[in-house]
Structures are given as structure tokens and as C-alpha cells.
Amino acid sequence: MVRVKHRYLLLDILYPDPTSWPPSTTAPKNAPLTAQSQLQIHSPTSDALTPSLLAKMVREEVAEIFGDWGVGRLGGVTAGGVS
């Protein structure tokens, strides 16, 4: 009998705390939660996060969690790069 293990890697992109954002000058202070404020909360990721940086961070986490076996499954240390 063969035992199958399922392992998952969860990726969570965190955004800064909304209280640290600069105040919006377009909406009054007592305005209700609007679509604009929802867009601020779910703002796009910074340009500092590039596809190659994300791939590198995922490879590093796979190496930490799954070790050499995980890196090998990705295709080696240099595999998985995004150009």
C-alpha cells in the first residue's frame, strides 16, 4: 500500500495597516464606506513586487518548508525564474 501525502504552500500578500495610510483628500471625514475606500483597502500591490522577486520568495519558502526535495521538485535552485 502507498501512502499519499498532500502538502500545500499558502501565499498571502499583506498590505499595510489602513491607519498608516495618508488621509484621502477627496472624501469628507464623516463619509460612509464607499467604493473608493474599498479600492484603497484592496489596493494593487506595489511595483516593488516583481514577478521575479515573487518567484524567488516562493523558491526560498519551498526550500525552507520542504528542503532539498522541494527545491528539486521545482527543478533545482535556478529553476522557476520568471523573465
N, C-alpha and C. Protein backbone atom coordinates (compact mmCIF):
# COMPACT_ATOMS: atom_id res chain seq x y z
N MET A 1 0.83 -1.18 0.00
CA MET A 1 0.00 0.00 0.00
C MET A 1 0.89 1.26 0.00
N VAL A 2 0.48 2.27 -0.72
CA VAL A 2 1.25 3.50 -0.81
C VAL A 2 0.49 4.60 -0.08
N ARG A 3 1.20 5.31 0.74
CA ARG A 3 0.60 6.42 1.47
C ARG A 3 0.88 7.71 0.71
N VAL A 4 -0.17 8.46 0.42
CA VAL A 4 -0.03 9.70 -0.32
C VAL A 4 -0.14 10.87 0.65
N LYS A 5 0.82 11.77 0.57
CA LYS A 5 0.79 12.97 1.41
C LYS A 5 0.49 14.17 0.52
N HIS A 6 -0.37 15.01 1.01
CA HIS A 6 -0.68 16.25 0.30
C HIS A 6 -0.15 17.40 1.14
N ARG A 7 0.69 18.21 0.56
CA ARG A 7 1.22 19.39 1.24
C ARG A 7 0.92 20.60 0.39
N TYR A 8 0.61 21.68 1.06
CA TYR A 8 0.23 22.89 0.35
C TYR A 8 1.07 24.05 0.83
N LEU A 9 1.31 24.98 -0.06
CA LEU A 9 2.00 26.21 0.27
C LEU A 9 1.02 27.35 0.06
N LEU A 10 0.72 28.06 1.12
CA LEU A 10 -0.23 29.17 1.05
C LEU A 10 0.55 30.46 0.92
N LEU A 11 0.16 31.28 -0.02
CA LEU A 11 0.81 32.56 -0.26
C LEU A 11 -0.16 33.66 0.11
N ASP A 12 0.25 34.54 1.00
CA ASP A 12 -0.60 35.63 1.46
C ASP A 12 0.16 36.93 1.27
N ILE A 13 -0.37 37.83 0.45
CA ILE A 13 0.25 39.13 0.24
C ILE A 13 -0.40 40.10 1.21
N LEU A 14 0.40 40.65 2.11
CA LEU A 14 -0.12 41.53 3.14
C LEU A 14 0.03 42.99 2.72
N TYR A 15 -0.96 43.78 3.06
CA TYR A 15 -0.95 45.20 2.78
C TYR A 15 -0.76 45.96 4.08
N PRO A 16 -0.25 47.17 4.04
CA PRO A 16 -0.04 47.93 5.29
C PRO A 16 -1.35 48.22 5.99
N ASP A 17 -1.25 48.49 7.28
CA ASP A 17 -2.42 48.81 8.09
C ASP A 17 -3.09 50.07 7.55
N PRO A 18 -4.42 50.06 7.37
CA PRO A 18 -5.10 51.24 6.81
C PRO A 18 -4.92 52.50 7.64
N THR A 19 -4.65 52.38 8.93
CA THR A 19 -4.46 53.59 9.74
C THR A 19 -3.15 54.28 9.41
N SER A 20 -2.22 53.59 8.78
CA SER A 20 -0.94 54.20 8.42
C SER A 20 -0.98 54.88 7.05
N TRP A 21 -2.10 54.76 6.33
CA TRP A 21 -2.22 55.40 5.02
C TRP A 21 -2.43 56.89 5.19
N PRO A 22 -1.97 57.68 4.24
CA PRO A 22 -2.25 59.12 4.31
C PRO A 22 -3.74 59.37 4.14
N PRO A 23 -4.28 60.40 4.77
CA PRO A 23 -5.72 60.66 4.65
C PRO A 23 -6.10 61.03 3.22
N SER A 24 -7.28 60.61 2.83
CA SER A 24 -7.79 60.92 1.49
C SER A 24 -8.35 62.34 1.48
N THR A 25 -8.01 63.10 0.46
CA THR A 25 -8.49 64.49 0.38
C THR A 25 -9.77 64.59 -0.43
N THR A 26 -10.21 63.49 -1.06
CA THR A 26 -11.39 63.55 -1.92
C THR A 26 -12.68 63.29 -1.17
N ALA A 27 -12.64 62.60 -0.04
CA ALA A 27 -13.87 62.25 0.68
C ALA A 27 -13.93 63.00 2.00
N PRO A 28 -15.15 63.44 2.40
CA PRO A 28 -15.29 64.08 3.71
C PRO A 28 -15.01 63.09 4.83
N LYS A 29 -14.64 63.63 5.99
CA LYS A 29 -14.23 62.77 7.10
C LYS A 29 -15.36 61.88 7.61
N ASN A 30 -16.60 62.34 7.54
CA ASN A 30 -17.71 61.55 8.07
C ASN A 30 -18.44 60.76 6.98
N ALA A 31 -17.83 60.60 5.82
CA ALA A 31 -18.47 59.89 4.72
C ALA A 31 -18.54 58.39 5.03
N PRO A 32 -19.61 57.73 4.60
CA PRO A 32 -19.71 56.28 4.82
C PRO A 32 -18.70 55.54 3.94
N LEU A 33 -18.52 54.26 4.25
CA LEU A 33 -17.61 53.41 3.49
C LEU A 33 -18.11 53.33 2.04
N THR A 34 -17.31 53.79 1.11
CA THR A 34 -17.72 53.84 -0.29
C THR A 34 -16.86 52.92 -1.13
N ALA A 35 -17.19 52.87 -2.40
CA ALA A 35 -16.41 52.05 -3.32
C ALA A 35 -14.96 52.53 -3.37
N GLN A 36 -14.75 53.85 -3.29
CA GLN A 36 -13.39 54.40 -3.33
C GLN A 36 -12.58 53.90 -2.14
N SER A 37 -13.18 53.90 -0.95
CA SER A 37 -12.44 53.43 0.22
C SER A 37 -12.20 51.93 0.13
N GLN A 38 -13.13 51.18 -0.47
CA GLN A 38 -12.91 49.76 -0.67
C GLN A 38 -11.74 49.52 -1.61
N LEU A 39 -11.62 50.37 -2.64
CA LEU A 39 -10.50 50.24 -3.55
C LEU A 39 -9.18 50.54 -2.85
N GLN A 40 -9.19 51.48 -1.89
CA GLN A 40 -7.97 51.77 -1.14
C GLN A 40 -7.56 50.57 -0.31
N ILE A 41 -8.54 49.93 0.34
CA ILE A 41 -8.22 48.77 1.19
C ILE A 41 -7.67 47.64 0.35
N HIS A 42 -8.23 47.42 -0.82
CA HIS A 42 -7.79 46.34 -1.70
C HIS A 42 -6.91 46.91 -2.81
N SER A 43 -6.01 47.78 -2.43
CA SER A 43 -5.17 48.46 -3.41
C SER A 43 -4.23 47.47 -4.09
N PRO A 44 -3.82 47.79 -5.30
CA PRO A 44 -2.90 46.90 -6.01
C PRO A 44 -1.55 46.83 -5.30
N THR A 45 -0.86 45.77 -5.55
CA THR A 45 0.44 45.54 -4.95
C THR A 45 1.45 46.55 -5.49
N SER A 46 2.38 46.91 -4.65
CA SER A 46 3.42 47.87 -5.01
C SER A 46 4.23 47.38 -6.21
N ASP A 47 4.82 48.31 -6.94
CA ASP A 47 5.67 47.96 -8.06
C ASP A 47 6.96 47.28 -7.61
N ALA A 48 7.27 47.36 -6.31
CA ALA A 48 8.47 46.71 -5.80
C ALA A 48 8.36 45.19 -5.87
N LEU A 49 7.14 44.66 -5.91
CA LEU A 49 6.94 43.22 -6.01
C LEU A 49 6.86 42.85 -7.48
N THR A 50 7.97 42.37 -8.00
CA THR A 50 8.04 41.97 -9.41
C THR A 50 7.82 40.47 -9.51
N PRO A 51 7.49 39.97 -10.70
CA PRO A 51 7.32 38.52 -10.86
C PRO A 51 8.56 37.73 -10.47
N SER A 52 9.75 38.25 -10.81
CA SER A 52 10.97 37.52 -10.47
C SER A 52 11.22 37.52 -8.96
N LEU A 53 10.90 38.61 -8.28
CA LEU A 53 11.05 38.66 -6.82
C LEU A 53 10.07 37.70 -6.15
N LEU A 54 8.83 37.66 -6.65
CA LEU A 54 7.84 36.74 -6.09
C LEU A 54 8.27 35.29 -6.30
N ALA A 55 8.79 34.97 -7.48
CA ALA A 55 9.26 33.61 -7.75
C ALA A 55 10.42 33.25 -6.82
N LYS A 56 11.32 34.20 -6.58
CA LYS A 56 12.46 33.96 -5.69
C LYS A 56 11.97 33.71 -4.26
N MET A 57 11.00 34.51 -3.80
CA MET A 57 10.49 34.33 -2.44
C MET A 57 9.77 32.99 -2.29
N VAL A 58 9.04 32.57 -3.32
CA VAL A 58 8.36 31.27 -3.26
C VAL A 58 9.39 30.15 -3.22
N ARG A 59 10.45 30.25 -4.05
CA ARG A 59 11.51 29.23 -4.03
C ARG A 59 12.16 29.13 -2.66
N GLU A 60 12.42 30.29 -2.03
CA GLU A 60 13.04 30.29 -0.70
C GLU A 60 12.14 29.63 0.34
N GLU A 61 10.83 29.90 0.27
CA GLU A 61 9.90 29.30 1.23
C GLU A 61 9.76 27.80 0.99
N VAL A 62 9.74 27.39 -0.28
CA VAL A 62 9.69 25.95 -0.58
C VAL A 62 10.93 25.27 -0.03
N ALA A 63 12.10 25.91 -0.18
CA ALA A 63 13.33 25.34 0.35
C ALA A 63 13.27 25.23 1.87
N GLU A 64 12.70 26.24 2.53
CA GLU A 64 12.62 26.21 3.99
C GLU A 64 11.62 25.15 4.48
N ILE A 65 10.49 25.05 3.81
CA ILE A 65 9.44 24.13 4.26
C ILE A 65 9.73 22.69 3.83
N PHE A 66 10.10 22.49 2.56
CA PHE A 66 10.23 21.15 2.02
C PHE A 66 11.68 20.70 1.83
N GLY A 67 12.64 21.59 2.03
CA GLY A 67 14.05 21.22 1.94
C GLY A 67 14.52 20.96 0.52
N ASP A 68 15.56 20.13 0.42
CA ASP A 68 16.14 19.82 -0.88
C ASP A 68 15.15 19.13 -1.81
N TRP A 69 14.29 18.30 -1.24
CA TRP A 69 13.29 17.60 -2.05
C TRP A 69 12.39 18.62 -2.75
N GLY A 70 11.92 19.63 -2.03
CA GLY A 70 11.05 20.64 -2.62
C GLY A 70 11.74 21.45 -3.69
N VAL A 71 12.99 21.82 -3.44
CA VAL A 71 13.76 22.57 -4.44
C VAL A 71 13.96 21.71 -5.67
N GLY A 72 14.23 20.43 -5.47
CA GLY A 72 14.38 19.52 -6.60
C GLY A 72 13.11 19.38 -7.41
N ARG A 73 11.97 19.35 -6.73
CA ARG A 73 10.69 19.25 -7.42
C ARG A 73 10.41 20.50 -8.26
N LEU A 74 10.94 21.63 -7.82
CA LEU A 74 10.80 22.86 -8.60
C LEU A 74 11.72 22.86 -9.81
N GLY A 75 12.72 22.00 -9.81
CA GLY A 75 13.64 21.93 -10.93
C GLY A 75 15.03 22.41 -10.59
N GLY A 76 15.34 22.52 -9.31
CA GLY A 76 16.66 22.96 -8.88
C GLY A 76 16.66 24.39 -8.39
N VAL A 77 17.81 24.83 -7.93
CA VAL A 77 17.93 26.16 -7.32
C VAL A 77 17.64 27.26 -8.32
N THR A 78 18.07 27.10 -9.56
CA THR A 78 17.89 28.16 -10.55
C THR A 78 16.59 28.05 -11.32
N ALA A 79 15.81 27.01 -11.06
CA ALA A 79 14.55 26.83 -11.80
C ALA A 79 13.45 27.72 -11.25
N GLY A 80 12.44 27.90 -12.03
CA GLY A 80 11.28 28.66 -11.58
C GLY A 80 11.41 30.15 -11.74
N GLY A 81 12.45 30.60 -12.39
CA GLY A 81 12.62 32.03 -12.60
C GLY A 81 11.61 32.57 -13.60
N VAL A 82 11.29 33.82 -13.44
CA VAL A 82 10.35 34.48 -14.34
C VAL A 82 11.12 35.58 -15.06
N SER A 83 11.01 35.59 -16.38
CA SER A 83 11.74 36.63 -17.12
C SER A 83 10.80 37.66 -17.67
